[in-house]
Amino acid sequence: MNIQKLSDEEIKTKLSKISTWKVVNSKLHKLFKFKSFNQAFCFMTGIAMVCEKMNHHPEWSNVYGNVDVQLVTHKVAGLTELDFILAEKMDEIASLFIPLVQ
């Protein structure tokens, strides 16, 4: 896949499809809040497998039931299609954990 930095207009269009994500400091950002540490850790484990297949990895941290995620493509120092694909996959996997507060 040819990795190209997205324009501001492209980012705005893509953000409309993942409305629970925000751009903070030029990175896609979302705080996932799970009911427990176990749910948060299971979410991270599932995402780790996706990341390996994509060869695209998040900046993230975990405290109890919270997983704080930032996505950026370091190779181009900005947001690319890969970041938005990974954000959508994260939302899909997070939806398996009920209840989930976003």
Protein backbone atom coordinates (compact mmCIF):
# COMPACT_ATOMS: atom_id res chain seq x y z
CA MET A 1 0.00 0.00 0.00
CA ASN A 2 1.30 3.42 -0.97
CA ILE A 3 1.28 5.45 2.25
CA GLN A 4 0.54 9.12 1.69
CA LYS A 5 -0.17 11.84 4.21
CA LEU A 6 -3.81 12.94 4.03
CA SER A 7 -4.79 16.55 3.40
CA ASP A 8 -6.81 18.49 5.98
CA GLU A 9 -9.91 18.12 3.79
CA GLU A 10 -9.43 14.34 3.48
CA ILE A 11 -9.01 14.09 7.26
CA LYS A 12 -12.20 16.08 7.83
CA THR A 13 -14.14 13.79 5.48
CA LYS A 14 -12.81 10.63 7.12
CA LEU A 15 -13.50 11.97 10.62
CA SER A 16 -17.18 12.27 9.75
CA LYS A 17 -17.27 8.46 9.47
CA ILE A 18 -15.65 7.89 12.89
CA SER A 19 -17.27 10.68 14.88
CA THR A 20 -16.10 9.44 18.29
CA TRP A 21 -12.48 10.09 17.31
CA LYS A 22 -10.84 13.52 17.42
CA VAL A 23 -7.64 14.97 16.02
CA VAL A 24 -5.42 16.11 18.90
CA ASN A 25 -1.86 17.31 18.24
CA SER A 26 -2.08 16.03 14.64
CA LYS A 27 -2.95 12.49 15.80
CA LEU A 28 -6.22 10.57 15.88
CA HIS A 29 -7.24 10.25 19.52
CA LYS A 30 -9.84 8.29 21.45
CA LEU A 31 -10.21 7.19 25.05
CA PHE A 32 -11.91 3.81 25.31
CA LYS A 33 -13.53 3.15 28.70
CA PHE A 34 -14.24 -0.44 29.60
CA LYS A 35 -15.96 -1.89 32.64
CA SER A 36 -12.81 -3.61 33.89
CA PHE A 37 -9.08 -4.05 33.41
CA ASN A 38 -9.78 -7.50 31.96
CA GLN A 39 -12.01 -6.06 29.22
CA ALA A 40 -9.45 -3.36 28.42
CA PHE A 41 -6.63 -5.89 28.24
CA CYS A 42 -8.67 -8.27 26.03
CA PHE A 43 -9.41 -5.34 23.71
CA MET A 44 -5.71 -4.48 23.49
CA THR A 45 -4.79 -8.11 22.82
CA GLY A 46 -7.30 -8.33 19.98
CA ILE A 47 -6.09 -5.08 18.47
CA ALA A 48 -2.45 -6.17 18.76
CA MET A 49 -3.14 -9.03 16.33
CA VAL A 50 -4.75 -6.61 13.85
CA CYS A 51 -1.82 -4.21 14.19
CA GLU A 52 0.69 -6.94 13.43
CA LYS A 53 -1.20 -7.94 10.27
CA MET A 54 -1.36 -4.30 9.17
CA ASN A 55 2.21 -3.56 10.27
CA HIS A 56 0.79 -0.39 11.81
CA HIS A 57 0.93 0.16 15.56
CA PRO A 58 -0.80 2.61 17.91
CA GLU A 59 0.58 4.81 20.62
CA TRP A 60 -1.51 3.71 23.57
CA SER A 61 -1.65 3.36 27.31
CA ASN A 62 -3.82 1.40 29.71
CA VAL A 63 -4.92 2.32 33.21
CA TYR A 64 -7.48 -0.01 34.78
CA GLY A 65 -10.43 -0.01 32.33
CA ASN A 66 -9.18 2.86 30.18
CA VAL A 67 -7.24 2.53 26.94
CA ASP A 68 -6.00 5.88 25.64
CA VAL A 69 -5.18 5.63 21.92
CA GLN A 70 -3.32 7.92 19.55
CA LEU A 71 -2.84 7.01 15.89
CA VAL A 72 -0.34 8.57 13.50
CA THR A 73 1.84 7.30 10.69
CA HIS A 74 5.37 8.19 11.76
CA LYS A 75 6.81 7.42 8.33
CA VAL A 76 5.02 10.48 6.88
CA ALA A 77 4.67 12.47 10.13
CA GLY A 78 0.92 12.68 9.78
CA LEU A 79 -2.35 10.88 9.30
CA THR A 80 -2.83 8.33 6.52
CA GLU A 81 -5.46 5.89 5.39
CA LEU A 82 -3.85 3.30 7.70
CA ASP A 83 -4.75 5.36 10.78
CA PHE A 84 -8.40 5.54 9.81
CA ILE A 85 -8.58 1.85 8.94
CA LEU A 86 -7.09 0.97 12.32
CA ALA A 87 -9.48 3.35 14.11
CA GLU A 88 -12.45 1.63 12.47
CA LYS A 89 -11.12 -1.80 13.44
CA MET A 90 -10.65 -0.61 17.02
CA ASP A 91 -14.25 0.58 17.14
CA GLU A 92 -15.42 -2.77 15.75
CA ILE A 93 -13.54 -4.78 18.36
CA ALA A 94 -14.53 -2.42 21.18
CA SER A 95 -18.19 -2.91 20.26
CA LEU A 96 -17.86 -6.56 21.32
CA PHE A 97 -17.44 -5.47 24.93
CA ILE A 98 -20.78 -4.58 26.46
CA PRO A 99 -21.32 -2.28 28.22
CA LEU A 100 -18.84 0.16 26.74
CA VAL A 101 -18.76 3.85 27.49
CA GLN A 102 -17.14 5.92 24.76
